[in-house]
Every structure is written in structure tokens, then in C-alpha cells.
Amino acid sequence: MRDSGFDTLESICQASLLLFFIAAHARVLREKLLSFPEKTPEEGASTTIYAAVSPDMEGVGGCYLYNEERTKSADVAYDEELQRRLWTESCKMVGISDESSRAP
């Protein structure tokens, strides 16, 4: 089948279907994407700057901030087994030992 060009045809068909889906739903996609509240660059950076220089954050780590307030992150962020798996896979991907990067 590969010699007959069917794999290429399949790829073209998949891309065409994706383009058709995007075109057919462009109005809805545009409305959803543009419905997020807009922030100025200053507003967008404010929480990061707050975390970096605020005396309230002195010595604080491991928390999630949203609009300069501590808040709970998504539940999956607190899954310790998932954190370990992600760390192990990340170490493999960059070619370092999982053990060499652990704190004593």
C-alpha cells in the first residue's frame, strides 16, 4: 500500500478534515478564543512580579497564585505519584539521572 501512495492520501484526507472542521466551526472557535478577559502586559505580569518581590512572599514557595492571591490549583497538581512519574520521565527525556537531581 505504501508504494501505491495511500499513506500520502490518508495524510491529505486527515488534514483536509481538520481544515473542514476548523472552517465549519470558525465562528464558535473565534467567540470562545476571544471571550477571555484581556489584560495589558502590566496586568499579565503583575502576579509574577508580586511573587518575585513582595515581602508577603518572602520565604514562601510551593503555592499557586492567581491575580496576586494564593489559591488552590487543579486537583491533579497535588497527585504525588503523578509528580514522581513526571519527574522520572522528564529526567529520561533530558538524559540525566533521576537520582542525581534529588535533594540529599
N, C-alpha and C. Protein backbone atom coordinates (compact mmCIF):
# COMPACT_ATOMS: atom_id res chain seq x y z
N MET A 1 0.80 -1.19 0.00
CA MET A 1 0.00 0.00 0.00
C MET A 1 0.85 1.26 0.00
N ARG A 2 1.98 1.26 0.73
CA ARG A 2 2.81 2.46 0.78
C ARG A 2 3.29 2.87 -0.61
N ASP A 3 3.63 1.87 -1.42
CA ASP A 3 4.12 2.17 -2.76
C ASP A 3 3.03 2.75 -3.64
N SER A 4 1.77 2.50 -3.29
CA SER A 4 0.68 2.99 -4.13
C SER A 4 0.28 4.41 -3.78
N GLY A 5 0.87 4.99 -2.73
CA GLY A 5 0.56 6.38 -2.38
C GLY A 5 -0.60 6.53 -1.42
N PHE A 6 -1.13 5.44 -0.88
CA PHE A 6 -2.28 5.54 0.01
C PHE A 6 -1.95 6.21 1.33
N ASP A 7 -0.71 6.04 1.85
CA ASP A 7 -0.36 6.69 3.10
C ASP A 7 -0.36 8.21 2.93
N THR A 8 0.08 8.69 1.78
CA THR A 8 0.06 10.12 1.49
C THR A 8 -1.37 10.61 1.37
N LEU A 9 -2.20 9.84 0.69
CA LEU A 9 -3.60 10.20 0.52
C LEU A 9 -4.29 10.28 1.88
N GLU A 10 -4.00 9.33 2.76
CA GLU A 10 -4.60 9.32 4.09
C GLU A 10 -4.21 10.58 4.85
N SER A 11 -2.94 10.97 4.78
CA SER A 11 -2.49 12.18 5.47
C SER A 11 -3.18 13.42 4.92
N ILE A 12 -3.33 13.48 3.61
CA ILE A 12 -4.00 14.62 3.00
C ILE A 12 -5.46 14.66 3.44
N CYS A 13 -6.11 13.51 3.47
CA CYS A 13 -7.52 13.46 3.88
C CYS A 13 -7.67 13.90 5.33
N GLN A 14 -6.76 13.47 6.22
CA GLN A 14 -6.84 13.87 7.62
C GLN A 14 -6.66 15.37 7.76
N ALA A 15 -5.72 15.94 7.05
CA ALA A 15 -5.50 17.39 7.10
C ALA A 15 -6.71 18.12 6.54
N SER A 16 -7.29 17.61 5.47
CA SER A 16 -8.47 18.23 4.88
C SER A 16 -9.65 18.21 5.84
N LEU A 17 -9.82 17.10 6.54
CA LEU A 17 -10.91 17.01 7.52
C LEU A 17 -10.70 18.01 8.65
N LEU A 18 -9.46 18.18 9.10
CA LEU A 18 -9.16 19.15 10.15
C LEU A 18 -9.48 20.56 9.67
N LEU A 19 -9.04 20.89 8.46
CA LEU A 19 -9.34 22.22 7.91
C LEU A 19 -10.83 22.43 7.75
N PHE A 20 -11.56 21.39 7.31
CA PHE A 20 -13.02 21.49 7.18
C PHE A 20 -13.65 21.75 8.54
N PHE A 21 -13.20 21.02 9.57
CA PHE A 21 -13.74 21.21 10.92
C PHE A 21 -13.49 22.63 11.40
N ILE A 22 -12.28 23.13 11.21
CA ILE A 22 -11.95 24.50 11.64
C ILE A 22 -12.82 25.51 10.90
N ALA A 23 -12.96 25.33 9.60
CA ALA A 23 -13.77 26.27 8.81
C ALA A 23 -15.24 26.21 9.23
N ALA A 24 -15.74 25.01 9.45
CA ALA A 24 -17.14 24.85 9.82
C ALA A 24 -17.46 25.43 11.19
N HIS A 25 -16.47 25.45 12.06
CA HIS A 25 -16.69 25.92 13.43
C HIS A 25 -15.94 27.21 13.74
N ALA A 26 -15.52 27.92 12.72
CA ALA A 26 -14.69 29.11 12.91
C ALA A 26 -15.37 30.15 13.79
N ARG A 27 -16.65 30.39 13.59
CA ARG A 27 -17.34 31.41 14.36
C ARG A 27 -17.34 31.04 15.84
N VAL A 28 -17.67 29.79 16.16
CA VAL A 28 -17.70 29.36 17.55
C VAL A 28 -16.31 29.39 18.16
N LEU A 29 -15.30 28.91 17.42
CA LEU A 29 -13.93 28.94 17.92
C LEU A 29 -13.47 30.36 18.18
N ARG A 30 -13.78 31.27 17.26
CA ARG A 30 -13.39 32.66 17.43
C ARG A 30 -14.06 33.27 18.67
N GLU A 31 -15.35 32.99 18.86
CA GLU A 31 -16.06 33.52 20.03
C GLU A 31 -15.46 32.98 21.32
N LYS A 32 -15.13 31.69 21.35
CA LYS A 32 -14.55 31.09 22.56
C LYS A 32 -13.17 31.65 22.84
N LEU A 33 -12.34 31.76 21.80
CA LEU A 33 -10.98 32.25 21.99
C LEU A 33 -10.95 33.73 22.38
N LEU A 34 -11.89 34.49 21.88
CA LEU A 34 -11.90 35.93 22.16
C LEU A 34 -12.71 36.28 23.40
N SER A 35 -13.30 35.28 24.05
CA SER A 35 -14.12 35.58 25.22
C SER A 35 -13.30 35.69 26.51
N PHE A 36 -12.01 35.39 26.44
CA PHE A 36 -11.17 35.53 27.61
C PHE A 36 -10.97 37.01 27.92
N PRO A 37 -10.97 37.36 29.20
CA PRO A 37 -10.74 38.78 29.52
C PRO A 37 -9.33 39.18 29.10
N GLU A 38 -9.24 40.32 28.48
CA GLU A 38 -7.94 40.81 28.03
C GLU A 38 -7.22 41.52 29.16
N LYS A 39 -5.92 41.36 29.20
CA LYS A 39 -5.09 42.04 30.18
C LYS A 39 -4.00 42.80 29.45
N THR A 40 -3.60 43.89 30.03
CA THR A 40 -2.45 44.61 29.50
C THR A 40 -1.20 43.81 29.85
N PRO A 41 -0.08 44.07 29.21
CA PRO A 41 1.15 43.38 29.60
C PRO A 41 1.47 43.58 31.09
N GLU A 42 1.21 44.78 31.60
CA GLU A 42 1.47 45.06 33.02
C GLU A 42 0.59 44.19 33.91
N GLU A 43 -0.71 44.09 33.56
CA GLU A 43 -1.63 43.27 34.34
C GLU A 43 -1.24 41.79 34.25
N GLY A 44 -0.82 41.36 33.06
CA GLY A 44 -0.43 39.97 32.88
C GLY A 44 0.81 39.60 33.68
N ALA A 45 1.71 40.55 33.88
CA ALA A 45 2.95 40.30 34.61
C ALA A 45 2.83 40.53 36.11
N SER A 46 1.74 41.12 36.55
CA SER A 46 1.65 41.56 37.95
C SER A 46 1.80 40.42 38.96
N THR A 47 1.22 39.27 38.71
CA THR A 47 1.32 38.17 39.67
C THR A 47 2.74 37.63 39.75
N THR A 48 3.41 37.54 38.61
CA THR A 48 4.80 37.07 38.60
C THR A 48 5.69 38.05 39.36
N ILE A 49 5.49 39.32 39.13
CA ILE A 49 6.27 40.34 39.84
C ILE A 49 5.96 40.31 41.33
N TYR A 50 4.69 40.17 41.66
CA TYR A 50 4.29 40.07 43.07
C TYR A 50 5.01 38.89 43.75
N ALA A 51 5.00 37.73 43.08
CA ALA A 51 5.65 36.55 43.66
C ALA A 51 7.15 36.77 43.84
N ALA A 52 7.77 37.53 42.95
CA ALA A 52 9.22 37.72 42.99
C ALA A 52 9.67 38.76 44.01
N VAL A 53 8.88 39.81 44.25
CA VAL A 53 9.39 40.92 45.07
C VAL A 53 8.55 41.29 46.28
N SER A 54 7.38 40.72 46.42
CA SER A 54 6.53 41.11 47.55
C SER A 54 7.09 40.57 48.87
N PRO A 55 7.13 41.41 49.92
CA PRO A 55 7.53 40.92 51.24
C PRO A 55 6.59 39.82 51.74
N ASP A 56 5.34 39.83 51.29
CA ASP A 56 4.39 38.78 51.68
C ASP A 56 4.82 37.40 51.21
N MET A 57 5.64 37.35 50.17
CA MET A 57 6.06 36.07 49.60
C MET A 57 7.46 35.67 50.03
N GLU A 58 8.07 36.44 50.89
CA GLU A 58 9.43 36.15 51.39
C GLU A 58 9.45 34.77 52.04
N GLY A 59 10.30 33.88 51.52
CA GLY A 59 10.45 32.55 52.08
C GLY A 59 9.30 31.59 51.78
N VAL A 60 8.36 32.01 50.95
CA VAL A 60 7.20 31.17 50.63
C VAL A 60 7.45 30.50 49.28
N GLY A 61 7.13 29.25 49.20
CA GLY A 61 7.25 28.51 47.94
C GLY A 61 6.18 27.44 47.88
N GLY A 62 6.06 26.85 46.74
CA GLY A 62 5.15 25.72 46.58
C GLY A 62 3.68 26.09 46.62
N CYS A 63 3.36 27.33 46.31
CA CYS A 63 1.94 27.70 46.28
C CYS A 63 1.57 28.19 44.89
N TYR A 64 0.29 28.22 44.62
CA TYR A 64 -0.24 28.66 43.34
C TYR A 64 -0.86 30.03 43.53
N LEU A 65 -0.49 30.96 42.67
CA LEU A 65 -1.02 32.32 42.75
C LEU A 65 -1.85 32.63 41.52
N TYR A 66 -2.95 33.34 41.74
CA TYR A 66 -3.80 33.80 40.65
C TYR A 66 -4.23 35.22 41.00
N ASN A 67 -3.91 36.16 40.13
CA ASN A 67 -4.21 37.58 40.40
C ASN A 67 -3.69 38.02 41.78
N GLU A 68 -2.45 37.68 42.05
CA GLU A 68 -1.75 38.07 43.28
C GLU A 68 -2.38 37.52 44.56
N GLU A 69 -3.13 36.44 44.43
CA GLU A 69 -3.75 35.79 45.59
C GLU A 69 -3.37 34.31 45.59
N ARG A 70 -3.11 33.77 46.78
CA ARG A 70 -2.90 32.33 46.89
C ARG A 70 -4.24 31.64 46.70
N THR A 71 -4.22 30.60 45.90
CA THR A 71 -5.43 29.84 45.64
C THR A 71 -5.07 28.38 45.39
N LYS A 72 -6.04 27.52 45.38
CA LYS A 72 -5.81 26.10 45.13
C LYS A 72 -5.70 25.88 43.62
N SER A 73 -4.75 25.08 43.23
CA SER A 73 -4.59 24.71 41.83
C SER A 73 -5.54 23.55 41.53
N ALA A 74 -5.49 23.05 40.31
CA ALA A 74 -6.30 21.88 39.93
C ALA A 74 -5.87 20.69 40.78
N ASP A 75 -6.82 19.82 41.10
CA ASP A 75 -6.55 18.66 41.96
C ASP A 75 -5.39 17.81 41.45
N VAL A 76 -5.26 17.68 40.14
CA VAL A 76 -4.21 16.84 39.58
C VAL A 76 -2.82 17.36 39.96
N ALA A 77 -2.69 18.63 40.26
CA ALA A 77 -1.40 19.20 40.64
C ALA A 77 -0.90 18.68 41.98
N TYR A 78 -1.78 18.09 42.77
CA TYR A 78 -1.41 17.60 44.10
C TYR A 78 -1.21 16.08 44.12
N ASP A 79 -1.26 15.44 42.98
CA ASP A 79 -1.09 13.99 42.86
C ASP A 79 0.40 13.66 42.93
N GLU A 80 0.86 13.18 44.08
CA GLU A 80 2.29 12.94 44.29
C GLU A 80 2.84 11.83 43.40
N GLU A 81 2.06 10.80 43.13
CA GLU A 81 2.51 9.73 42.25
C GLU A 81 2.70 10.27 40.83
N LEU A 82 1.79 11.08 40.38
CA LEU A 82 1.92 11.69 39.06
C LEU A 82 3.13 12.62 39.01
N GLN A 83 3.39 13.34 40.09
CA GLN A 83 4.57 14.21 40.16
C GLN A 83 5.84 13.39 40.01
N ARG A 84 5.93 12.24 40.70
CA ARG A 84 7.11 11.38 40.61
C ARG A 84 7.29 10.85 39.19
N ARG A 85 6.19 10.40 38.58
CA ARG A 85 6.27 9.87 37.21
C ARG A 85 6.71 10.95 36.24
N LEU A 86 6.17 12.15 36.38
CA LEU A 86 6.54 13.25 35.50
C LEU A 86 8.02 13.58 35.66
N TRP A 87 8.49 13.61 36.90
CA TRP A 87 9.90 13.92 37.15
C TRP A 87 10.80 12.85 36.51
N THR A 88 10.46 11.59 36.73
CA THR A 88 11.26 10.49 36.19
C THR A 88 11.30 10.54 34.67
N GLU A 89 10.16 10.74 34.03
CA GLU A 89 10.12 10.81 32.57
C GLU A 89 10.86 12.03 32.05
N SER A 90 10.75 13.16 32.75
CA SER A 90 11.46 14.37 32.35
C SER A 90 12.97 14.15 32.40
N CYS A 91 13.44 13.50 33.46
CA CYS A 91 14.88 13.20 33.57
C CYS A 91 15.34 12.31 32.42
N LYS A 92 14.53 11.30 32.08
CA LYS A 92 14.88 10.43 30.96
C LYS A 92 14.97 11.23 29.65
N MET A 93 14.01 12.13 29.46
CA MET A 93 13.96 12.89 28.20
C MET A 93 15.17 13.80 28.03
N VAL A 94 15.70 14.35 29.12
CA VAL A 94 16.85 15.25 29.00
C VAL A 94 18.17 14.54 29.28
N GLY A 95 18.10 13.24 29.58
CA GLY A 95 19.31 12.44 29.69
C GLY A 95 20.08 12.62 30.99
N ILE A 96 19.37 12.91 32.09
CA ILE A 96 20.05 12.98 33.38
C ILE A 96 19.51 11.90 34.31
N SER A 97 20.30 11.59 35.32
CA SER A 97 19.90 10.57 36.27
C SER A 97 18.85 11.14 37.22
N ASP A 98 17.82 10.39 37.43
CA ASP A 98 16.76 10.79 38.37
C ASP A 98 17.35 10.98 39.78
N GLU A 99 18.28 10.12 40.14
CA GLU A 99 18.87 10.17 41.48
C GLU A 99 19.80 11.37 41.66
N SER A 100 20.49 11.78 40.59
CA SER A 100 21.46 12.88 40.73
C SER A 100 20.79 14.21 40.98
N SER A 101 19.50 14.32 40.70
CA SER A 101 18.82 15.61 40.85
C SER A 101 18.01 15.69 42.13
N ARG A 102 18.02 14.66 42.96
CA ARG A 102 17.26 14.68 44.21
C ARG A 102 18.05 15.36 45.32
N ALA A 103 17.34 16.03 46.18
CA ALA A 103 17.98 16.69 47.32
C ALA A 103 18.45 15.63 48.32
N PRO A 104 19.56 15.87 49.01
CA PRO A 104 20.07 14.87 49.96
C PRO A 104 19.15 14.67 51.14
